PDB file of N, CA and C in Angstrom:
ATOM      1  N   GLY A   1       1.820  42.237 -24.602  1.00  0.00           N
ATOM      2  CA  GLY A   1       1.884  41.869 -26.059  1.00  0.00           C
ATOM      3  C   GLY A   1       2.546  42.917 -26.874  1.00  0.00           C
ATOM      4  N   ALA A   2       2.922  42.559 -28.032  1.00  0.00           N
ATOM      5  CA  ALA A   2       3.572  43.492 -28.979  1.00  0.00           C
ATOM      6  C   ALA A   2       2.519  44.390 -29.623  1.00  0.00           C
ATOM      7  N   HIS A   3       2.888  45.594 -29.839  1.00  0.00           N
ATOM      8  CA  HIS A   3       1.998  46.495 -30.648  1.00  0.00           C
ATOM      9  C   HIS A   3       2.405  46.386 -32.061  1.00  0.00           C
ATOM     10  N   THR A   4       1.379  46.192 -32.895  1.00  0.00           N
ATOM     11  CA  THR A   4       1.702  45.952 -34.382  1.00  0.00           C
ATOM     12  C   THR A   4       0.853  46.879 -35.151  1.00  0.00           C
ATOM     13  N   VAL A   5       1.307  47.062 -36.479  1.00  0.00           N
ATOM     14  CA  VAL A   5       0.477  47.837 -37.392  1.00  0.00           C
ATOM     15  C   VAL A   5       0.546  46.974 -38.733  1.00  0.00           C
ATOM     16  N   GLY A   6      -0.453  47.283 -39.543  1.00  0.00           N
ATOM     17  CA  GLY A   6      -0.428  46.624 -40.870  1.00  0.00           C
ATOM     18  C   GLY A   6      -0.690  45.083 -40.691  1.00  0.00           C
ATOM     19  N   TYR A   7       0.198  44.380 -41.343  1.00  0.00           N
ATOM     20  CA  TYR A   7       0.095  42.944 -41.319  1.00  0.00           C
ATOM     21  C   TYR A   7       1.060  42.252 -40.287  1.00  0.00           C
ATOM     22  N   GLY A   8       0.960  42.821 -39.067  1.00  0.00           N
ATOM     23  CA  GLY A   8       1.813  42.300 -37.950  1.00  0.00           C
ATOM     24  C   GLY A   8       3.164  42.848 -37.799  1.00  0.00           C
ATOM     25  N   ARG A   9       3.404  44.039 -38.316  1.00  0.00           N
ATOM     26  CA  ARG A   9       4.687  44.776 -38.122  1.00  0.00           C
ATOM     27  C   ARG A   9       4.852  45.082 -36.739  1.00  0.00           C
ATOM     28  N   ASN A  10       5.824  44.576 -36.014  1.00  0.00           N
ATOM     29  CA  ASN A  10       6.099  44.886 -34.612  1.00  0.00           C
ATOM     30  C   ASN A  10       6.675  46.370 -34.493  1.00  0.00           C
ATOM     31  N   ILE A  11       5.890  47.156 -33.780  1.00  0.00           N
ATOM     32  CA  ILE A  11       6.380  48.578 -33.588  1.00  0.00           C
ATOM     33  C   ILE A  11       6.570  48.808 -32.112  1.00  0.00           C
ATOM     34  N   SER A  12       6.602  47.788 -31.313  1.00  0.00           N
ATOM     35  CA  SER A  12       6.980  47.872 -29.839  1.00  0.00           C
ATOM     36  C   SER A  12       8.397  48.117 -29.753  1.00  0.00           C
ATOM     37  N   LYS A  13       8.899  48.591 -28.607  1.00  0.00           N
ATOM     38  CA  LYS A  13      10.241  48.785 -28.357  1.00  0.00           C
ATOM     39  C   LYS A  13      11.002  47.505 -28.602  1.00  0.00           C
ATOM     40  N   GLY A  14      12.013  47.560 -29.352  1.00  0.00           N
ATOM     41  CA  GLY A  14      12.785  46.380 -29.706  1.00  0.00           C
ATOM     42  C   GLY A  14      12.252  45.765 -31.041  1.00  0.00           C
ATOM     43  N   GLY A  15      11.160  46.254 -31.525  1.00  0.00           N
ATOM     44  CA  GLY A  15      10.593  45.709 -32.742  1.00  0.00           C
ATOM     45  C   GLY A  15      11.261  46.475 -33.879  1.00  0.00           C
ATOM     46  N   ILE A  16      10.803  46.059 -35.033  1.00  0.00           N
ATOM     47  CA  ILE A  16      11.335  46.703 -36.331  1.00  0.00           C
ATOM     48  C   ILE A  16      10.982  48.093 -36.477  1.00  0.00           C
ATOM     49  N   GLY A  17       9.811  48.468 -36.038  1.00  0.00           N
ATOM     50  CA  GLY A  17       9.310  49.771 -36.167  1.00  0.00           C
ATOM     51  C   GLY A  17       8.925  50.066 -37.642  1.00  0.00           C
ATOM     52  N   ILE A  18       8.887  51.452 -37.958  1.00  0.00           N
ATOM     53  CA  ILE A  18       8.710  51.831 -39.392  1.00  0.00           C
ATOM     54  C   ILE A  18       9.704  52.841 -39.733  1.00  0.00           C
ATOM     55  N   SER A  19      10.048  52.795 -40.986  1.00  0.00           N
ATOM     56  CA  SER A  19      11.026  53.810 -41.511  1.00  0.00           C
ATOM     57  C   SER A  19      10.384  55.201 -41.719  1.00  0.00           C
ATOM     58  N   GLU A  20      11.201  56.077 -41.872  1.00  0.00           N
ATOM     59  CA  GLU A  20      10.844  57.511 -42.210  1.00  0.00           C
ATOM     60  C   GLU A  20       9.931  57.471 -43.455  1.00  0.00           C
ATOM     61  N   GLU A  21      10.379  56.754 -44.492  1.00  0.00           N
ATOM     62  CA  GLU A  21       9.584  56.693 -45.719  1.00  0.00           C
ATOM     63  C   GLU A  21       8.213  56.048 -45.497  1.00  0.00           C
ATOM     64  N   GLU A  22       8.120  54.961 -44.663  1.00  0.00           N
ATOM     65  CA  GLU A  22       6.888  54.277 -44.361  1.00  0.00           C
ATOM     66  C   GLU A  22       5.937  55.370 -43.596  1.00  0.00           C
ATOM     67  N   ALA A  23       6.578  56.056 -42.667  1.00  0.00           N
ATOM     68  CA  ALA A  23       5.791  57.046 -41.911  1.00  0.00           C
ATOM     69  C   ALA A  23       5.187  58.088 -42.856  1.00  0.00           C
ATOM     70  N   GLY A  24       6.018  58.495 -43.855  1.00  0.00           N
ATOM     71  CA  GLY A  24       5.536  59.447 -44.801  1.00  0.00           C
ATOM     72  C   GLY A  24       4.343  58.992 -45.613  1.00  0.00           C
ATOM     73  N   VAL A  25       4.411  57.664 -46.037  1.00  0.00           N
ATOM     74  CA  VAL A  25       3.259  57.104 -46.689  1.00  0.00           C
ATOM     75  C   VAL A  25       1.983  57.147 -45.863  1.00  0.00           C
ATOM     76  N   LEU A  26       2.152  56.779 -44.590  1.00  0.00           N
ATOM     77  CA  LEU A  26       0.977  56.785 -43.664  1.00  0.00           C
ATOM     78  C   LEU A  26       0.460  58.233 -43.498  1.00  0.00           C
ATOM     79  N   LEU A  27       1.401  59.228 -43.338  1.00  0.00           N
ATOM     80  CA  LEU A  27       0.908  60.595 -43.195  1.00  0.00           C
ATOM     81  C   LEU A  27       0.219  61.078 -44.518  1.00  0.00           C
ATOM     82  N   ARG A  28       0.804  60.763 -45.686  1.00  0.00           N
ATOM     83  CA  ARG A  28       0.054  61.236 -46.874  1.00  0.00           C
ATOM     84  C   ARG A  28      -1.270  60.620 -47.029  1.00  0.00           C
ATOM     85  N   ASN A  29      -1.476  59.377 -46.671  1.00  0.00           N
ATOM     86  CA  ASN A  29      -2.763  58.727 -46.730  1.00  0.00           C
ATOM     87  C   ASN A  29      -3.734  59.371 -45.572  1.00  0.00           C
ATOM     88  N   ASP A  30      -3.178  59.718 -44.500  1.00  0.00           N
ATOM     89  CA  ASP A  30      -4.088  60.366 -43.480  1.00  0.00           C
ATOM     90  C   ASP A  30      -4.472  61.725 -43.879  1.00  0.00           C
ATOM     91  N   VAL A  31      -3.556  62.442 -44.560  1.00  0.00           N
ATOM     92  CA  VAL A  31      -3.888  63.883 -45.065  1.00  0.00           C
ATOM     93  C   VAL A  31      -4.973  63.683 -46.094  1.00  0.00           C
ATOM     94  N   ILE A  32      -4.851  62.779 -47.083  1.00  0.00           N
ATOM     95  CA  ILE A  32      -5.779  62.625 -48.074  1.00  0.00           C
ATOM     96  C   ILE A  32      -7.203  62.360 -47.504  1.00  0.00           C
ATOM     97  N   ARG A  33      -7.236  61.379 -46.518  1.00  0.00           N
ATOM     98  CA  ARG A  33      -8.427  61.044 -45.850  1.00  0.00           C
ATOM     99  C   ARG A  33      -9.057  62.234 -45.100  1.00  0.00           C
ATOM    100  N   THR A  34      -8.190  63.019 -44.456  1.00  0.00           N
ATOM    101  CA  THR A  34      -8.682  64.153 -43.766  1.00  0.00           C
ATOM    102  C   THR A  34      -9.257  65.214 -44.693  1.00  0.00           C
ATOM    103  N   ILE A  35      -8.567  65.489 -45.789  1.00  0.00           N
ATOM    104  CA  ILE A  35      -9.069  66.426 -46.792  1.00  0.00           C
ATOM    105  C   ILE A  35     -10.471  65.931 -47.378  1.00  0.00           C
ATOM    106  N   ASP A  36     -10.575  64.699 -47.564  1.00  0.00           N
ATOM    107  CA  ASP A  36     -11.881  64.171 -48.066  1.00  0.00           C
ATOM    108  C   ASP A  36     -12.959  64.448 -47.090  1.00  0.00           C
ATOM    109  N   GLU A  37     -12.618  64.213 -45.822  1.00  0.00           N
ATOM    110  CA  GLU A  37     -13.639  64.316 -44.672  1.00  0.00           C
ATOM    111  C   GLU A  37     -13.972  65.840 -44.644  1.00  0.00           C
ATOM    112  N   LEU A  38     -13.020  66.718 -44.808  1.00  0.00           N
ATOM    113  CA  LEU A  38     -13.302  68.157 -44.649  1.00  0.00           C
ATOM    114  C   LEU A  38     -14.171  68.560 -45.836  1.00  0.00           C
ATOM    115  N   ARG A  39     -13.969  68.074 -47.076  1.00  0.00           N
ATOM    116  CA  ARG A  39     -14.811  68.385 -48.212  1.00  0.00           C
ATOM    117  C   ARG A  39     -16.157  67.904 -47.994  1.00  0.00           C
ATOM    118  N   ARG A  40     -16.351  66.684 -47.430  1.00  0.00           N
ATOM    119  CA  ARG A  40     -17.767  66.253 -47.165  1.00  0.00           C
ATOM    120  C   ARG A  40     -18.460  67.066 -46.100  1.00  0.00           C
ATOM    121  N   ASN A  41     -17.723  67.480 -45.094  1.00  0.00           N
ATOM    122  CA  ASN A  41     -18.411  68.209 -43.989  1.00  0.00           C
ATOM    123  C   ASN A  41     -18.488  69.745 -44.219  1.00  0.00           C
ATOM    124  N   TYR A  42     -17.672  70.260 -45.063  1.00  0.00           N
ATOM    125  CA  TYR A  42     -17.643  71.730 -45.337  1.00  0.00           C
ATOM    126  C   TYR A  42     -17.411  71.923 -46.775  1.00  0.00           C
ATOM    127  N   PRO A  43     -18.584  71.955 -47.585  1.00  0.00           N
ATOM    128  CA  PRO A  43     -18.593  72.044 -49.045  1.00  0.00           C
ATOM    129  C   PRO A  43     -17.659  73.301 -49.458  1.00  0.00           C
ATOM    130  N   TRP A  44     -17.526  74.263 -48.731  1.00  0.00           N
ATOM    131  CA  TRP A  44     -16.807  75.412 -49.000  1.00  0.00           C
ATOM    132  C   TRP A  44     -15.268  75.348 -48.761  1.00  0.00           C
ATOM    133  N   PHE A  45     -14.876  74.181 -48.275  1.00  0.00           N
ATOM    134  CA  PHE A  45     -13.455  73.958 -47.961  1.00  0.00           C
ATOM    135  C   PHE A  45     -12.508  74.324 -49.139  1.00  0.00           C
ATOM    136  N   ASP A  46     -12.808  73.935 -50.307  1.00  0.00           N
ATOM    137  CA  ASP A  46     -11.913  74.224 -51.479  1.00  0.00           C
ATOM    138  C   ASP A  46     -11.926  75.697 -51.879  1.00  0.00           C
ATOM    139  N   ASP A  47     -12.921  76.504 -51.408  1.00  0.00           N
ATOM    140  CA  ASP A  47     -12.916  77.910 -51.662  1.00  0.00           C
ATOM    141  C   ASP A  47     -12.022  78.727 -50.751  1.00  0.00           C
ATOM    142  N   LEU A  48     -11.516  78.133 -49.745  1.00  0.00           N
ATOM    143  CA  LEU A  48     -10.621  78.856 -48.732  1.00  0.00           C
ATOM    144  C   LEU A  48      -9.258  79.023 -49.326  1.00  0.00           C
ATOM    145  N   ASN A  49      -8.595  80.015 -48.811  1.00  0.00           N
ATOM    146  CA  ASN A  49      -7.225  80.210 -49.310  1.00  0.00           C
ATOM    147  C   ASN A  49      -6.334  78.988 -48.779  1.00  0.00           C
ATOM    148  N   LYS A  50      -5.083  78.861 -49.414  1.00  0.00           N
ATOM    149  CA  LYS A  50      -4.248  77.735 -49.092  1.00  0.00           C
ATOM    150  C   LYS A  50      -3.926  77.638 -47.590  1.00  0.00           C
ATOM    151  N   SER A  51      -3.619  78.731 -46.936  1.00  0.00           N
ATOM    152  CA  SER A  51      -3.217  78.684 -45.580  1.00  0.00           C
ATOM    153  C   SER A  51      -4.420  78.155 -44.666  1.00  0.00           C
ATOM    154  N   ALA A  52      -5.634  78.719 -44.991  1.00  0.00           N
ATOM    155  CA  ALA A  52      -6.754  78.304 -44.232  1.00  0.00           C
ATOM    156  C   ALA A  52      -7.069  76.839 -44.341  1.00  0.00           C
ATOM    157  N   ARG A  53      -6.967  76.354 -45.630  1.00  0.00           N
ATOM    158  CA  ARG A  53      -7.087  74.847 -45.882  1.00  0.00           C
ATOM    159  C   ARG A  53      -6.099  74.082 -45.114  1.00  0.00           C
ATOM    160  N   GLU A  54      -4.816  74.483 -45.097  1.00  0.00           N
ATOM    161  CA  GLU A  54      -3.826  73.782 -44.348  1.00  0.00           C
ATOM    162  C   GLU A  54      -4.089  73.807 -42.814  1.00  0.00           C
ATOM    163  N   VAL A  55      -4.513  74.907 -42.310  1.00  0.00           N
ATOM    164  CA  VAL A  55      -4.906  75.052 -40.870  1.00  0.00           C
ATOM    165  C   VAL A  55      -5.969  74.016 -40.484  1.00  0.00           C
ATOM    166  N   LEU A  56      -6.992  74.017 -41.342  1.00  0.00           N
ATOM    167  CA  LEU A  56      -8.142  73.104 -41.162  1.00  0.00           C
ATOM    168  C   LEU A  56      -7.715  71.635 -41.196  1.00  0.00           C
ATOM    169  N   VAL A  57      -6.854  71.286 -42.121  1.00  0.00           N
ATOM    170  CA  VAL A  57      -6.319  69.909 -42.272  1.00  0.00           C
ATOM    171  C   VAL A  57      -5.618  69.601 -40.972  1.00  0.00           C
ATOM    172  N   GLU A  58      -4.744  70.462 -40.537  1.00  0.00           N
ATOM    173  CA  GLU A  58      -3.964  70.157 -39.295  1.00  0.00           C
ATOM    174  C   GLU A  58      -4.907  69.985 -38.127  1.00  0.00           C
ATOM    175  N   LEU A  59      -5.884  70.923 -37.916  1.00  0.00           N
ATOM    176  CA  LEU A  59      -6.742  70.849 -36.797  1.00  0.00           C
ATOM    177  C   LEU A  59      -7.654  69.526 -36.897  1.00  0.00           C
ATOM    178  N   CYS A  60      -8.172  69.252 -38.075  1.00  0.00           N
ATOM    179  CA  CYS A  60      -8.934  68.062 -38.143  1.00  0.00           C
ATOM    180  C   CYS A  60      -8.212  66.722 -38.021  1.00  0.00           C
ATOM    181  N   PHE A  61      -7.003  66.739 -38.449  1.00  0.00           N
ATOM    182  CA  PHE A  61      -6.087  65.623 -38.269  1.00  0.00           C
ATOM    183  C   PHE A  61      -5.830  65.416 -36.756  1.00  0.00           C
ATOM    184  N   GLN A  62      -5.503  66.557 -36.146  1.00  0.00           N
ATOM    185  CA  GLN A  62      -5.028  66.405 -34.602  1.00  0.00           C
ATOM    186  C   GLN A  62      -6.312  66.111 -33.701  1.00  0.00           C
ATOM    187  N   LEU A  63      -7.406  66.844 -34.017  1.00  0.00           N
ATOM    188  CA  LEU A  63      -8.536  66.800 -33.067  1.00  0.00           C
ATOM    189  C   LEU A  63      -9.555  65.800 -33.496  1.00  0.00           C
ATOM    190  N   GLY A  64      -9.648  65.471 -34.760  1.00  0.00           N
ATOM    191  CA  GLY A  64     -10.769  64.684 -35.284  1.00  0.00           C
ATOM    192  C   GLY A  64     -11.921  65.517 -35.640  1.00  0.00           C
ATOM    193  N   ALA A  65     -12.727  65.069 -36.606  1.00  0.00           N
ATOM    194  CA  ALA A  65     -13.828  65.875 -37.189  1.00  0.00           C
ATOM    195  C   ALA A  65     -14.893  66.227 -36.131  1.00  0.00           C
ATOM    196  N   PRO A  66     -15.208  65.330 -35.177  1.00  0.00           N
ATOM    197  CA  PRO A  66     -16.241  65.784 -34.164  1.00  0.00           C
ATOM    198  C   PRO A  66     -15.751  66.855 -33.253  1.00  0.00           C
ATOM    199  N   ARG A  67     -14.529  66.873 -32.861  1.00  0.00           N
ATOM    200  CA  ARG A  67     -14.099  68.070 -32.069  1.00  0.00           C
ATOM    201  C   ARG A  67     -13.977  69.253 -32.866  1.00  0.00           C
ATOM    202  N   LEU A  68     -13.452  69.104 -34.128  1.00  0.00           N
ATOM    203  CA  LEU A  68     -13.336  70.308 -34.993  1.00  0.00           C
ATOM    204  C   LEU A  68     -14.648  70.961 -35.188  1.00  0.00           C
ATOM    205  N   ALA A  69     -15.697  70.217 -35.311  1.00  0.00           N
ATOM    206  CA  ALA A  69     -17.091  70.674 -35.560  1.00  0.00           C
ATOM    207  C   ALA A  69     -17.557  71.585 -34.387  1.00  0.00           C
ATOM    208  N   LYS A  70     -16.952  71.472 -33.262  1.00  0.00           N
ATOM    209  CA  LYS A  70     -17.382  72.309 -32.055  1.00  0.00           C
ATOM    210  C   LYS A  70     -16.791  73.720 -32.191  1.00  0.00           C
ATOM    211  N   PHE A  71     -15.829  73.940 -33.092  1.00  0.00           N
ATOM    212  CA  PHE A  71     -15.375  75.291 -33.400  1.00  0.00           C
ATOM    213  C   PHE A  71     -16.218  76.098 -34.291  1.00  0.00           C
ATOM    214  N   LYS A  72     -17.537  76.271 -33.868  1.00  0.00           N
ATOM    215  CA  LYS A  72     -18.603  76.696 -34.788  1.00  0.00           C
ATOM    216  C   LYS A  72     -18.300  78.150 -35.211  1.00  0.00           C
ATOM    217  N   LYS A  73     -17.863  79.006 -34.331  1.00  0.00           N
ATOM    218  CA  LYS A  73     -17.568  80.446 -34.719  1.00  0.00           C
ATOM    219  C   LYS A  73     -16.334  80.586 -35.637  1.00  0.00           C
ATOM    220  N   MET A  74     -15.419  79.839 -35.330  1.00  0.00           N
ATOM    221  CA  MET A  74     -14.146  79.788 -36.205  1.00  0.00           C
ATOM    222  C   MET A  74     -14.547  79.284 -37.614  1.00  0.00           C
ATOM    223  N   LEU A  75     -15.320  78.182 -37.688  1.00  0.00           N
ATOM    224  CA  LEU A  75     -15.767  77.681 -38.933  1.00  0.00           C
ATOM    225  C   LEU A  75     -16.594  78.672 -39.696  1.00  0.00           C
ATOM    226  N   ALA A  76     -17.464  79.400 -38.999  1.00  0.00           N
ATOM    227  CA  ALA A  76     -18.310  80.370 -39.644  1.00  0.00           C
ATOM    228  C   ALA A  76     -17.525  81.494 -40.182  1.00  0.00           C
ATOM    229  N   GLY A  77     -16.370  81.916 -39.382  1.00  0.00           N
ATOM    230  CA  GLY A  77     -15.497  82.944 -40.018  1.00  0.00           C
ATOM    231  C   GLY A  77     -14.787  82.438 -41.268  1.00  0.00           C
ATOM    232  N   LEU A  78     -14.330  81.195 -41.249  1.00  0.00           N
ATOM    233  CA  LEU A  78     -13.674  80.749 -42.441  1.00  0.00           C
ATOM    234  C   LEU A  78     -14.624  80.638 -43.659  1.00  0.00           C
ATOM    235  N   GLN A  79     -15.924  80.201 -43.395  1.00  0.00           N
ATOM    236  CA  GLN A  79     -16.899  80.089 -44.478  1.00  0.00           C
ATOM    237  C   GLN A  79     -17.146  81.471 -45.071  1.00  0.00           C
ATOM    238  N   ALA A  80     -17.071  82.506 -44.229  1.00  0.00           N
ATOM    239  CA  ALA A  80     -17.358  83.813 -44.683  1.00  0.00           C
ATOM    240  C   ALA A  80     -16.020  84.483 -45.233  1.00  0.00           C
ATOM    241  N   HIS A  81     -14.970  83.721 -45.285  1.00  0.00           N
ATOM    242  CA  HIS A  81     -13.638  84.217 -45.624  1.00  0.00           C
ATOM    243  C   HIS A  81     -13.186  85.425 -44.754  1.00  0.00           C
ATOM    244  N   ASP A  82     -13.611  85.418 -43.533  1.00  0.00           N
ATOM    245  CA  ASP A  82     -13.171  86.419 -42.561  1.00  0.00           C
ATOM    246  C   ASP A  82     -12.148  85.699 -41.743  1.00  0.00           C
ATOM    247  N   TYR A  83     -10.893  85.763 -42.343  1.00  0.00           N
ATOM    248  CA  TYR A  83      -9.825  84.913 -41.680  1.00  0.00           C
ATOM    249  C   TYR A  83      -9.466  85.488 -40.291  1.00  0.00           C
ATOM    250  N   ASP A  84      -9.438  86.845 -40.187  1.00  0.00           N
ATOM    251  CA  ASP A  84      -9.140  87.464 -38.837  1.00  0.00           C
ATOM    252  C   ASP A  84     -10.073  87.009 -37.823  1.00  0.00           C
ATOM    253  N   ALA A  85     -11.367  87.002 -38.075  1.00  0.00           N
ATOM    254  CA  ALA A  85     -12.353  86.643 -37.121  1.00  0.00           C
ATOM    255  C   ALA A  85     -12.210  85.102 -36.810  1.00  0.00           C
ATOM    256  N   ALA A  86     -11.926  84.287 -37.797  1.00  0.00           N
ATOM    257  CA  ALA A  86     -11.736  82.875 -37.528  1.00  0.00           C
ATOM    258  C   ALA A  86     -10.469  82.711 -36.688  1.00  0.00           C
ATOM    259  N   ALA A  87      -9.412  83.425 -36.951  1.00  0.00           N
ATOM    260  CA  ALA A  87      -8.185  83.296 -36.166  1.00  0.00           C
ATOM    261  C   ALA A  87      -8.503  83.689 -34.721  1.00  0.00           C
ATOM    262  N   ALA A  88      -9.208  84.840 -34.522  1.00  0.00           N
ATOM    263  CA  ALA A  88      -9.478  85.240 -33.138  1.00  0.00           C
ATOM    264  C   ALA A  88     -10.328  84.134 -32.373  1.00  0.00           C
ATOM    265  N   GLU A  89     -11.255  83.518 -33.053  1.00  0.00           N
ATOM    266  CA  GLU A  89     -12.058  82.470 -32.461  1.00  0.00           C
ATOM    267  C   GLU A  89     -11.207  81.245 -32.103  1.00  0.00           C
ATOM    268  N   LEU A  90     -10.232  80.987 -32.986  1.00  0.00           N
ATOM    269  CA  LEU A  90      -9.277  79.856 -32.639  1.00  0.00           C
ATOM    270  C   LEU A  90      -8.513  80.170 -31.365  1.00  0.00           C
ATOM    271  N   LEU A  91      -8.052  81.425 -31.190  1.00  0.00           N
ATOM    272  CA  LEU A  91      -7.302  81.723 -30.042  1.00  0.00           C
ATOM    273  C   LEU A  91      -8.198  81.773 -28.768  1.00  0.00           C
ATOM    274  N   ASP A  92      -9.447  82.052 -28.962  1.00  0.00           N
ATOM    275  CA  ASP A  92     -10.363  82.020 -27.763  1.00  0.00           C
ATOM    276  C   ASP A  92     -11.057  80.660 -27.645  1.00  0.00           C
ATOM    277  N   SER A  93     -10.252  79.695 -27.426  1.00  0.00           N
ATOM    278  CA  SER A  93     -10.723  78.238 -27.355  1.00  0.00           C
ATOM    279  C   SER A  93      -9.981  77.559 -26.306  1.00  0.00           C
ATOM    280  N   LYS A  94     -10.578  76.461 -25.844  1.00  0.00           N
ATOM    281  CA  LYS A  94      -9.947  75.528 -24.843  1.00  0.00           C
ATOM    282  C   LYS A  94      -8.663  74.966 -25.542  1.00  0.00           C
ATOM    283  N   PHE A  95      -8.714  74.666 -26.819  1.00  0.00           N
ATOM    284  CA  PHE A  95      -7.553  74.156 -27.564  1.00  0.00           C
ATOM    285  C   PHE A  95      -6.388  75.219 -27.360  1.00  0.00           C
ATOM    286  N   ALA A  96      -6.600  76.434 -27.631  1.00  0.00           N
ATOM    287  CA  ALA A  96      -5.512  77.409 -27.450  1.00  0.00           C
ATOM    288  C   ALA A  96      -5.098  77.527 -26.027  1.00  0.00           C
ATOM    289  N   ARG A  97      -5.851  77.338 -25.076  1.00  0.00           N
ATOM    290  CA  ARG A  97      -5.453  77.395 -23.663  1.00  0.00           C
ATOM    291  C   ARG A  97      -4.562  76.046 -23.363  1.00  0.00           C
ATOM    292  N   GLN A  98      -4.882  74.967 -24.102  1.00  0.00           N
ATOM    293  CA  GLN A  98      -4.122  73.729 -23.740  1.00  0.00           C
ATOM    294  C   GLN A  98      -2.854  73.728 -24.562  1.00  0.00           C
ATOM    295  N   VAL A  99      -2.793  74.227 -25.722  1.00  0.00           N
ATOM    296  CA  VAL A  99      -1.618  74.189 -26.597  1.00  0.00           C
ATOM    297  C   VAL A  99      -1.338  75.607 -27.232  1.00  0.00           C
ATOM    298  N   PRO A 100      -0.987  76.553 -26.316  1.00  0.00           N
ATOM    299  CA  PRO A 100      -0.867  77.975 -26.853  1.00  0.00           C
ATOM    300  C   PRO A 100       0.142  78.179 -27.970  1.00  0.00           C
ATOM    301  N   ALA A 101       1.259  77.437 -27.964  1.00  0.00           N
ATOM    302  CA  ALA A 101       2.195  77.717 -28.961  1.00  0.00           C
ATOM    303  C   ALA A 101       1.714  77.247 -30.333  1.00  0.00           C
ATOM    304  N   ARG A 102       1.069  76.127 -30.344  1.00  0.00           N
ATOM    305  CA  ARG A 102       0.507  75.551 -31.592  1.00  0.00           C
ATOM    306  C   ARG A 102      -0.658  76.492 -32.037  1.00  0.00           C
ATOM    307  N   ALA A 103      -1.491  76.843 -31.209  1.00  0.00           N
ATOM    308  CA  ALA A 103      -2.620  77.740 -31.431  1.00  0.00           C
ATOM    309  C   ALA A 103      -2.170  79.059 -32.067  1.00  0.00           C
ATOM    310  N   THR A 104      -1.101  79.631 -31.472  1.00  0.00           N
ATOM    311  CA  THR A 104      -0.492  80.870 -31.945  1.00  0.00           C
ATOM    312  C   THR A 104       0.074  80.745 -33.364  1.00  0.00           C
ATOM    313  N   ARG A 105       0.762  79.526 -33.632  1.00  0.00           N
ATOM    314  CA  ARG A 105       1.331  79.305 -34.922  1.00  0.00           C
ATOM    315  C   ARG A 105       0.165  79.260 -35.960  1.00  0.00           C
ATOM    316  N   LEU A 106      -0.966  78.567 -35.632  1.00  0.00           N
ATOM    317  CA  LEU A 106      -2.008  78.347 -36.537  1.00  0.00           C
ATOM    318  C   LEU A 106      -2.717  79.792 -36.791  1.00  0.00           C
ATOM    319  N   PHE A 107      -2.760  80.553 -35.740  1.00  0.00           N
ATOM    320  CA  PHE A 107      -3.442  81.946 -35.830  1.00  0.00           C
ATOM    321  C   PHE A 107      -2.526  82.720 -36.769  1.00  0.00           C
ATOM    322  N   GLN A 108      -1.259  82.701 -36.647  1.00  0.00           N
ATOM    323  CA  GLN A 108      -0.413  83.563 -37.511  1.00  0.00           C
ATOM    324  C   GLN A 108      -0.601  83.051 -38.991  1.00  0.00           C
ATOM    325  N   ARG A 109      -0.789  81.757 -39.244  1.00  0.00           N
ATOM    326  CA  ARG A 109      -0.926  81.257 -40.574  1.00  0.00           C
ATOM    327  C   ARG A 109      -2.273  81.761 -41.137  1.00  0.00           C
ATOM    328  N   LEU A 110      -3.286  81.851 -40.353  1.00  0.00           N
ATOM    329  CA  LEU A 110      -4.596  82.323 -40.829  1.00  0.00           C
ATOM    330  C   LEU A 110      -4.582  83.805 -41.180  1.00  0.00           C
ATOM    331  N   THR A 111      -3.804  84.655 -40.355  1.00  0.00           N
ATOM    332  CA  THR A 111      -3.822  86.072 -40.504  1.00  0.00           C
ATOM    333  C   THR A 111      -2.690  86.660 -41.391  1.00  0.00           C
ATOM    334  N   ALA A 112      -1.903  85.684 -42.026  1.00  0.00           N
ATOM    335  CA  ALA A 112      -0.759  86.205 -42.786  1.00  0.00           C
ATOM    336  C   ALA A 112      -1.245  86.761 -44.151  1.00  0.00           C
TER     337      ALA A 112
END
């Protein structure tokens, strides 16, 4: 069967798909939803610096809130505004072993 989104838009091979603009709308909505979820789960989210907020949004979007919650030491470092400790904890994770380039990029954003 065809894979569809929304109200029956065919996104299967040979279907109409979605435009770059439509993908942007979906992404913006996902980011807003992710930020709302982070604010609910971590009341200190808005107190973080911009880079740390962006890193958390990216991690939560990619991993989902339940998997992000397992990064207890990294989250504790962020809450304490100890970005170096948080970054070190991020690198010492299964996530970093699975996607080392992405983890290194996020590490660098936290320690900048």
